[in-house]
N, C-alpha and C. Protein backbone atom coordinates (compact mmCIF):
# COMPACT_ATOMS: atom_id res chain seq x y z
N MET A 1 31.96 27.77 9.55
CA MET A 1 30.60 27.11 9.15
C MET A 1 29.41 26.74 10.11
N SER A 2 28.44 27.14 9.50
CA SER A 2 27.33 27.37 10.20
C SER A 2 26.85 26.44 11.36
N SER A 3 25.91 26.09 11.93
CA SER A 3 25.64 24.83 12.59
C SER A 3 23.76 24.69 12.48
N GLU A 4 23.89 25.37 11.59
CA GLU A 4 22.05 25.36 11.33
C GLU A 4 22.46 24.23 10.31
N ARG A 5 21.06 23.34 10.08
CA ARG A 5 20.86 22.18 10.13
C ARG A 5 20.70 22.66 8.53
N PRO A 6 20.74 22.03 7.30
CA PRO A 6 19.53 22.68 6.33
C PRO A 6 18.18 22.10 6.47
N THR A 7 16.91 22.98 5.63
CA THR A 7 15.81 22.16 5.29
C THR A 7 16.01 20.66 4.57
N ILE A 8 15.16 20.01 5.35
CA ILE A 8 14.78 18.68 4.81
C ILE A 8 13.43 18.85 3.73
N TYR A 9 13.12 18.51 2.40
CA TYR A 9 12.52 18.56 2.18
C TYR A 9 11.43 17.19 1.56
N LEU A 10 10.34 17.45 2.29
CA LEU A 10 9.45 15.90 1.69
C LEU A 10 8.61 16.24 0.91
N TYR A 11 8.30 15.22 0.01
CA TYR A 11 6.86 14.73 -1.38
C TYR A 11 6.62 13.84 -0.88
N THR A 12 5.32 14.07 -0.90
CA THR A 12 4.43 12.87 -0.64
C THR A 12 2.92 12.91 -1.33
N ASP A 13 3.05 10.98 -1.84
CA ASP A 13 1.51 10.68 -2.43
C ASP A 13 0.88 9.75 -2.03
N GLY A 14 -0.46 9.90 -2.24
CA GLY A 14 -0.84 8.63 -2.20
C GLY A 14 -1.93 8.47 -3.05
N ALA A 15 -2.33 7.04 -3.44
CA ALA A 15 -3.31 6.47 -4.33
C ALA A 15 -4.08 5.40 -3.66
N ALA A 16 -5.21 5.05 -4.75
CA ALA A 16 -6.22 4.12 -4.36
C ALA A 16 -6.43 3.48 -5.64
N SER A 17 -6.79 2.43 -5.99
CA SER A 17 -7.36 2.16 -7.25
C SER A 17 -8.61 1.37 -6.83
N GLY A 18 -9.90 2.44 -6.95
CA GLY A 18 -11.21 2.47 -6.01
C GLY A 18 -11.00 2.76 -4.65
N ASN A 19 -12.35 3.39 -3.86
CA ASN A 19 -11.97 4.13 -2.64
C ASN A 19 -13.11 3.80 -2.26
N PRO A 20 -12.85 2.78 -1.47
CA PRO A 20 -11.47 1.76 -0.80
C PRO A 20 -11.46 0.72 -2.04
N GLY A 21 -9.98 0.71 -2.21
CA GLY A 21 -9.16 -0.37 -2.69
C GLY A 21 -8.12 -0.34 -2.24
N PRO A 22 -7.32 -1.19 -3.38
CA PRO A 22 -5.72 -1.46 -2.82
C PRO A 22 -5.52 0.20 -2.98
N GLY A 23 -4.66 -0.09 -2.18
CA GLY A 23 -4.21 1.56 -1.77
C GLY A 23 -2.16 1.71 -1.48
N GLY A 24 -1.81 2.80 -2.19
CA GLY A 24 -0.17 3.36 -1.63
C GLY A 24 0.19 4.35 -1.41
N TRP A 25 1.21 4.59 -0.75
CA TRP A 25 2.06 6.42 -0.54
C TRP A 25 3.52 5.75 -0.92
N GLY A 26 3.76 6.76 -1.10
CA GLY A 26 5.32 7.58 -1.81
C GLY A 26 5.35 8.06 -1.47
N ALA A 27 7.00 8.49 -1.10
CA ALA A 27 7.29 9.63 -0.22
C ALA A 27 9.17 9.64 -0.66
N VAL A 28 9.79 10.57 -1.03
CA VAL A 28 10.74 11.17 -1.27
C VAL A 28 11.06 12.32 -0.17
N LEU A 29 12.42 11.71 0.22
CA LEU A 29 13.12 12.69 0.87
C LEU A 29 14.52 13.35 0.45
N CYS A 30 14.34 14.68 0.36
CA CYS A 30 15.34 15.25 0.03
C CYS A 30 15.95 16.46 0.63
N CYS A 31 17.42 16.30 1.10
CA CYS A 31 18.09 17.29 2.19
C CYS A 31 19.60 17.42 0.91
N GLY A 32 19.72 19.01 0.95
CA GLY A 32 21.14 18.72 -0.35
C GLY A 32 21.68 17.86 -0.99
N GLN A 33 22.59 17.19 -1.13
CA GLN A 33 22.68 15.83 -2.28
C GLN A 33 21.79 14.66 -1.89
N LEU A 34 21.88 14.41 -0.60
CA LEU A 34 20.84 13.12 0.13
C LEU A 34 19.30 13.21 -0.39
N ARG A 35 19.00 12.25 -0.79
CA ARG A 35 17.60 11.28 -1.37
C ARG A 35 17.23 10.23 -1.16
N LYS A 36 16.26 10.45 -0.66
CA LYS A 36 15.58 8.82 -0.15
C LYS A 36 14.15 8.67 -0.56
N GLU A 37 14.39 7.05 -1.08
CA GLU A 37 12.29 7.07 -1.56
C GLU A 37 11.90 5.70 -0.72
N MET A 38 10.81 6.11 -0.34
CA MET A 38 10.18 5.17 0.13
C MET A 38 8.70 4.60 -0.04
N SER A 39 7.85 3.97 0.27
CA SER A 39 6.48 3.44 -0.34
C SER A 39 6.12 2.17 0.78
N GLY A 40 4.70 2.15 0.38
CA GLY A 40 3.92 0.66 0.68
C GLY A 40 2.60 0.95 0.28
N GLY A 41 1.84 -0.33 0.63
CA GLY A 41 0.75 -0.17 0.37
C GLY A 41 -0.27 -1.53 0.83
N PHE A 42 -1.23 -1.25 0.54
CA PHE A 42 -2.30 -2.50 1.55
C PHE A 42 -3.41 -2.72 0.67
N ALA A 43 -3.92 -3.71 0.82
CA ALA A 43 -4.85 -4.86 -0.11
C ALA A 43 -6.07 -3.75 -0.06
N ARG A 44 -6.49 -3.54 1.06
CA ARG A 44 -7.81 -2.30 0.94
C ARG A 44 -7.86 -1.06 2.01
N THR A 45 -8.23 0.25 1.22
CA THR A 45 -7.86 1.21 2.03
C THR A 45 -8.33 2.74 1.61
N THR A 46 -8.29 3.73 1.39
CA THR A 46 -8.48 4.66 0.39
C THR A 46 -7.24 5.49 0.50
N ASN A 47 -8.20 6.57 -0.66
CA ASN A 47 -6.69 7.45 -1.10
C ASN A 47 -6.54 8.59 0.15
N ASN A 48 -7.58 8.91 0.57
CA ASN A 48 -7.05 9.95 2.10
C ASN A 48 -6.20 9.98 3.13
N ARG A 49 -6.25 8.22 3.38
CA ARG A 49 -5.65 7.60 3.97
C ARG A 49 -4.22 7.40 3.95
N MET A 50 -4.05 7.01 2.57
CA MET A 50 -2.48 6.97 1.78
C MET A 50 -1.73 7.98 1.66
N GLU A 51 -2.63 9.09 1.51
CA GLU A 51 -1.88 10.42 1.19
C GLU A 51 -1.59 10.86 2.80
N LEU A 52 -2.55 10.53 3.88
CA LEU A 52 -1.89 11.23 5.38
C LEU A 52 -0.70 10.36 5.53
N LEU A 53 -0.82 9.29 5.23
CA LEU A 53 0.03 7.74 5.52
C LEU A 53 1.93 8.25 5.30
N ALA A 54 1.55 8.47 3.79
CA ALA A 54 2.69 8.79 3.09
C ALA A 54 3.49 10.62 3.98
N VAL A 55 2.80 11.09 4.58
CA VAL A 55 3.06 12.44 5.32
C VAL A 55 3.91 11.35 6.58
N ILE A 56 3.09 10.93 7.00
CA ILE A 56 3.83 9.98 8.39
C ILE A 56 4.64 9.22 8.43
N GLU A 57 5.02 8.63 7.42
CA GLU A 57 6.39 7.54 6.83
C GLU A 57 7.62 8.89 6.74
N GLY A 58 6.83 9.28 5.79
CA GLY A 58 8.42 10.00 5.40
C GLY A 58 8.54 11.47 6.60
N LEU A 59 7.82 11.75 7.42
CA LEU A 59 8.44 11.99 8.78
C LEU A 59 8.60 11.16 10.05
N SER A 60 8.65 9.92 9.84
CA SER A 60 9.16 9.01 10.54
C SER A 60 10.57 8.44 10.39
N ALA A 61 10.88 9.23 9.07
CA ALA A 61 11.98 8.79 8.40
C ALA A 61 13.60 9.52 9.19
N ILE A 62 12.80 10.81 9.54
CA ILE A 62 13.91 11.93 9.36
C ILE A 62 14.38 11.30 11.11
N ARG A 63 15.73 11.69 10.81
CA ARG A 63 16.27 11.03 12.24
C ARG A 63 16.83 12.33 13.35
N TRP A 64 16.44 13.85 12.51
CA TRP A 64 17.00 14.78 12.76
C TRP A 64 16.03 15.59 13.92
N GLU A 65 16.39 15.38 15.24
CA GLU A 65 14.96 16.07 16.47
C GLU A 65 15.22 17.73 15.89
N GLY A 66 13.95 18.45 15.49
CA GLY A 66 13.94 19.77 15.32
C GLY A 66 14.45 20.27 14.07
N ALA A 67 14.42 19.19 13.13
CA ALA A 67 15.10 19.81 11.65
C ALA A 67 13.33 20.14 11.31
N ARG A 68 14.23 21.40 10.47
CA ARG A 68 12.91 21.94 9.69
C ARG A 68 12.81 21.72 8.69
N VAL A 69 11.01 20.74 8.20
CA VAL A 69 10.80 20.15 7.56
C VAL A 69 9.97 20.84 6.22
N GLU A 70 10.02 20.54 5.03
CA GLU A 70 9.35 21.70 4.29
C GLU A 70 8.39 19.90 3.27
N VAL A 71 6.97 19.45 3.59
CA VAL A 71 6.12 19.21 3.27
C VAL A 71 5.53 19.43 2.11
N TRP A 72 5.44 19.06 1.03
CA TRP A 72 4.74 19.21 -0.18
C TRP A 72 4.19 17.88 -0.71
N SER A 73 2.70 18.38 -0.91
CA SER A 73 1.65 17.10 -0.97
C SER A 73 0.55 17.89 -2.09
N ASP A 74 -0.34 17.04 -3.29
CA ASP A 74 -0.85 17.74 -3.82
C ASP A 74 -2.60 17.14 -2.61
N SER A 75 -2.50 16.79 -1.93
CA SER A 75 -3.11 16.11 -0.83
C SER A 75 -4.33 17.66 -0.29
N GLN A 76 -5.53 18.40 -0.78
CA GLN A 76 -6.21 19.00 0.00
C GLN A 76 -6.37 18.78 1.26
N TYR A 77 -6.66 17.28 1.72
CA TYR A 77 -7.06 17.24 2.83
C TYR A 77 -5.97 17.23 3.93
N VAL A 78 -5.00 17.10 3.42
CA VAL A 78 -3.84 16.68 4.14
C VAL A 78 -3.43 18.07 4.28
N VAL A 79 -2.99 18.69 3.67
CA VAL A 79 -2.37 20.82 3.79
C VAL A 79 -3.88 21.46 4.44
N ASN A 80 -4.51 21.23 3.96
CA ASN A 80 -6.05 22.44 4.26
C ASN A 80 -5.72 21.75 5.81
N THR A 81 -6.08 20.59 6.09
CA THR A 81 -6.64 19.91 7.93
C THR A 81 -5.30 20.40 8.39
N VAL A 82 -4.60 20.44 8.38
CA VAL A 82 -2.85 20.66 8.76
C VAL A 82 -2.57 23.03 8.97
N THR A 83 -3.25 22.81 7.69
CA THR A 83 -2.71 24.49 7.88
C THR A 83 -3.96 25.06 8.12
N GLN A 84 -5.44 24.59 8.13
CA GLN A 84 -6.58 25.75 7.90
C GLN A 84 -7.29 25.08 9.10
N GLY A 85 -6.96 23.95 9.54
CA GLY A 85 -7.35 23.45 11.03
C GLY A 85 -9.07 22.45 10.50
N TRP A 86 -8.70 22.55 9.27
CA TRP A 86 -10.38 21.16 8.91
C TRP A 86 -10.48 20.36 9.98
N LYS A 87 -11.73 19.88 10.66
CA LYS A 87 -12.07 18.79 10.91
C LYS A 87 -11.17 17.68 11.06
N ARG A 88 -11.23 16.33 12.09
CA ARG A 88 -10.35 15.48 11.68
C ARG A 88 -11.52 14.96 11.94
N LYS A 89 -12.44 14.19 11.46
CA LYS A 89 -13.54 13.49 11.60
C LYS A 89 -13.57 11.86 11.15
N LYS A 90 -12.32 11.40 9.76
CA LYS A 90 -11.77 10.38 10.14
C LYS A 90 -10.56 10.11 10.14
N ASN A 91 -9.77 9.14 9.65
CA ASN A 91 -9.13 8.37 10.27
C ASN A 91 -8.39 8.93 11.57
N GLN A 92 -8.87 8.38 12.38
CA GLN A 92 -8.12 9.34 13.97
C GLN A 92 -7.16 8.21 14.22
N ASP A 93 -7.38 7.59 13.76
CA ASP A 93 -5.77 6.36 14.24
C ASP A 93 -4.67 7.18 13.61
N LEU A 94 -4.81 7.66 12.25
CA LEU A 94 -3.38 8.30 11.37
C LEU A 94 -3.21 9.18 11.99
N TRP A 95 -4.15 10.33 11.75
CA TRP A 95 -4.13 11.64 12.72
C TRP A 95 -3.58 11.93 14.22
N ALA A 96 -3.75 10.81 14.67
CA ALA A 96 -2.34 10.39 16.27
C ALA A 96 -1.12 10.08 16.07
N ARG A 97 -1.20 9.31 15.00
CA ARG A 97 0.24 9.39 14.11
C ARG A 97 1.23 10.27 13.90
N PHE A 98 0.25 11.29 13.06
CA PHE A 98 0.57 12.80 12.35
C PHE A 98 1.19 13.26 13.84
N ASP A 99 0.41 13.29 14.85
CA ASP A 99 0.67 14.24 15.57
C ASP A 99 1.74 14.00 16.22
N GLU A 100 1.76 12.89 16.84
CA GLU A 100 3.24 12.53 17.37
C GLU A 100 4.72 12.63 16.61
N ALA A 101 4.27 12.02 15.08
CA ALA A 101 5.70 12.35 14.05
C ALA A 101 5.93 14.15 14.04
N ALA A 102 4.98 14.48 14.12
CA ALA A 102 4.81 15.94 13.77
C ALA A 102 5.20 17.21 14.44
N ALA A 103 5.27 16.84 16.28
CA ALA A 103 5.80 17.25 17.01
C ALA A 103 7.33 17.63 17.31
N ARG A 104 7.84 16.69 16.83
CA ARG A 104 9.43 16.51 16.48
C ARG A 104 10.13 17.63 15.65
N PHE A 105 9.53 18.07 14.61
CA PHE A 105 9.88 19.32 13.62
C PHE A 105 9.15 20.63 13.77
N SER A 106 9.98 21.21 13.03
CA SER A 106 8.89 22.69 12.08
C SER A 106 9.07 22.49 11.10
N LEU A 107 7.47 22.36 10.53
CA LEU A 107 6.95 21.84 9.82
C LEU A 107 6.55 22.88 8.96
N GLU A 108 6.41 23.21 7.79
CA GLU A 108 5.66 24.20 7.17
C GLU A 108 4.82 23.04 5.70
N PHE A 109 3.67 23.70 5.67
CA PHE A 109 3.21 22.51 4.28
C PHE A 109 2.97 23.64 3.10
N HIS A 110 2.99 22.82 2.17
CA HIS A 110 2.99 23.47 0.66
C HIS A 110 1.66 21.93 0.10
N TRP A 111 0.62 23.09 -0.55
CA TRP A 111 -0.05 22.03 -2.12
C TRP A 111 0.31 22.27 -3.18
N LEU A 112 0.33 21.14 -3.67
CA LEU A 112 1.20 21.56 -5.18
C LEU A 112 0.09 20.62 -5.97
N LYS A 113 -0.02 21.01 -7.14
CA LYS A 113 -1.78 20.52 -8.00
C LYS A 113 -0.40 19.19 -8.71
N GLY A 114 -1.87 18.26 -8.34
CA GLY A 114 -1.05 16.35 -8.42
C GLY A 114 -1.56 16.18 -10.46
N HIS A 115 -0.32 15.41 -10.36
CA HIS A 115 -0.23 15.30 -11.91
C HIS A 115 -0.15 16.75 -13.05
N ALA A 116 0.58 17.72 -12.42
CA ALA A 116 1.26 18.78 -13.16
C ALA A 116 2.94 18.74 -13.73
N GLY A 117 3.20 17.30 -13.64
CA GLY A 117 4.92 17.56 -13.91
C GLY A 117 5.65 17.79 -13.34
N HIS A 118 5.40 18.03 -11.37
CA HIS A 118 6.14 18.29 -10.72
C HIS A 118 7.27 17.16 -10.28
N PRO A 119 8.33 17.03 -10.73
CA PRO A 119 8.74 15.54 -10.82
C PRO A 119 9.02 14.83 -9.96
N GLU A 120 8.75 15.96 -8.42
CA GLU A 120 8.92 14.97 -7.00
C GLU A 120 7.47 14.33 -7.09
N ASN A 121 6.88 15.47 -7.03
CA ASN A 121 5.39 14.81 -7.14
C ASN A 121 5.10 13.62 -8.17
N GLU A 122 5.38 13.35 -8.85
CA GLU A 122 5.42 12.51 -10.20
C GLU A 122 6.20 11.09 -9.78
N ARG A 123 7.03 11.62 -9.06
CA ARG A 123 7.76 10.08 -8.58
C ARG A 123 7.23 9.76 -7.30
N CYS A 124 6.49 10.11 -6.47
CA CYS A 124 5.87 10.18 -5.12
C CYS A 124 4.35 9.27 -5.94
N ASP A 125 3.71 9.90 -6.67
CA ASP A 125 2.66 9.11 -7.57
C ASP A 125 2.92 8.21 -8.03
N ARG A 126 4.14 7.66 -8.60
CA ARG A 126 4.77 6.41 -9.37
C ARG A 126 4.69 5.18 -8.42
N LEU A 127 5.70 5.91 -7.37
CA LEU A 127 5.80 4.99 -5.77
C LEU A 127 4.78 4.67 -5.79
N ALA A 128 3.64 4.95 -5.13
CA ALA A 128 2.10 4.86 -4.33
C ALA A 128 1.81 3.71 -5.27
N VAL A 129 1.57 3.88 -6.82
CA VAL A 129 0.97 3.02 -7.70
C VAL A 129 1.36 1.67 -7.45
N GLU A 130 3.00 1.57 -8.15
CA GLU A 130 3.76 0.31 -7.75
C GLU A 130 3.83 -0.28 -6.36
N ALA A 131 3.25 0.19 -5.28
CA ALA A 131 3.33 -0.34 -3.56
C ALA A 131 1.93 -1.15 -4.20
N TYR A 132 0.83 -0.34 -4.80
CA TYR A 132 -0.84 -0.82 -4.15
C TYR A 132 -0.65 -2.28 -5.83
N SER A 133 0.36 -2.57 -5.98
CA SER A 133 -0.04 -3.10 -7.55
C SER A 133 0.72 -4.43 -7.39
N LYS A 134 1.34 -4.09 -5.94
CA LYS A 134 1.93 -5.48 -5.76
C LYS A 134 1.30 -6.67 -4.93
N PRO A 135 1.37 -8.11 -5.52
CA PRO A 135 0.79 -9.31 -4.82
C PRO A 135 0.88 -8.83 -3.40
N GLY A 136 -0.24 -9.90 -3.11
CA GLY A 136 -0.17 -10.08 -1.28
C GLY A 136 -0.35 -9.11 -0.30
N LEU A 137 -0.86 -7.93 -0.69
CA LEU A 137 -0.64 -6.65 -0.11
C LEU A 137 -1.40 -6.87 1.54
N PRO A 138 -1.24 -6.01 2.86
CA PRO A 138 -1.30 -6.46 3.70
C PRO A 138 -2.57 -6.26 4.07
N ALA A 139 -3.87 -5.89 5.20
CA ALA A 139 -4.52 -5.23 5.61
C ALA A 139 -4.16 -3.89 6.11
N ASP A 140 -4.82 -3.08 5.73
CA ASP A 140 -4.89 -1.62 6.35
C ASP A 140 -5.84 -1.82 7.55
N GLU A 141 -5.05 -2.44 8.98
CA GLU A 141 -5.70 -2.43 10.01
C GLU A 141 -6.60 -1.14 10.18
N GLY A 142 -6.36 -0.38 10.57
CA GLY A 142 -6.82 1.16 10.98
C GLY A 142 -8.04 1.39 9.87
N TYR A 143 -7.66 1.02 9.21
CA TYR A 143 -9.10 0.94 7.82
C TYR A 143 -9.74 -0.25 8.33
N GLU A 144 -9.68 -1.23 7.90
CA GLU A 144 -10.62 -2.24 8.46
C GLU A 144 -11.77 -2.21 9.92
N GLN A 145 -10.37 -1.64 10.99
CA GLN A 145 -11.41 -1.39 11.93
C GLN A 145 -12.17 -0.21 12.32
N ASN A 146 -11.95 0.78 11.64
CA ASN A 146 -12.90 1.94 11.56
C ASN A 146 -13.59 2.06 10.34
N ASP A 147 -13.97 1.23 9.77
CA ASP A 147 -15.06 1.15 8.17
C ASP A 147 -16.38 1.58 8.44
N THR A 148 -16.70 2.60 8.19
CA THR A 148 -18.71 2.61 8.73
C THR A 148 -19.08 3.13 7.51
N LEU A 149 -18.61 2.93 6.23
CA LEU A 149 -19.46 3.35 5.08
C LEU A 149 -20.36 1.94 4.93
N PHE A 150 -20.04 1.01 5.22
CA PHE A 150 -21.29 -0.17 4.86
C PHE A 150 -21.59 -0.52 6.31
């Protein structure tokens, strides 16, 4: 019996109704027969923040230190920032959280086309939209503190 742990697959999506506006994130973790779905939302945020937060929350739910994780996202912002070294001008609070979470794993990022019928990506999108559609959403403190658009 091999002592090597299986790969964990993390599918993520973020959504916002308006940009900024109410926003949500969704994540699905898959490993063998195990599956975990999670989501959350905020009253006022941006799509890019929710895309990145979905990855952070998904990684934070993994308990295996050093696990091999394949992250699948339809966010070019997230995937290209990680894989191509795009500058991290905005969302510094979330990028710091990402760096802390990512340091625990062996990560491989993949971009996939959104709204193209990929079952896990579609599920993440539904989770994100459901999350921001709930009443009484909390404030995205990181967005509110760093909102320099207005």
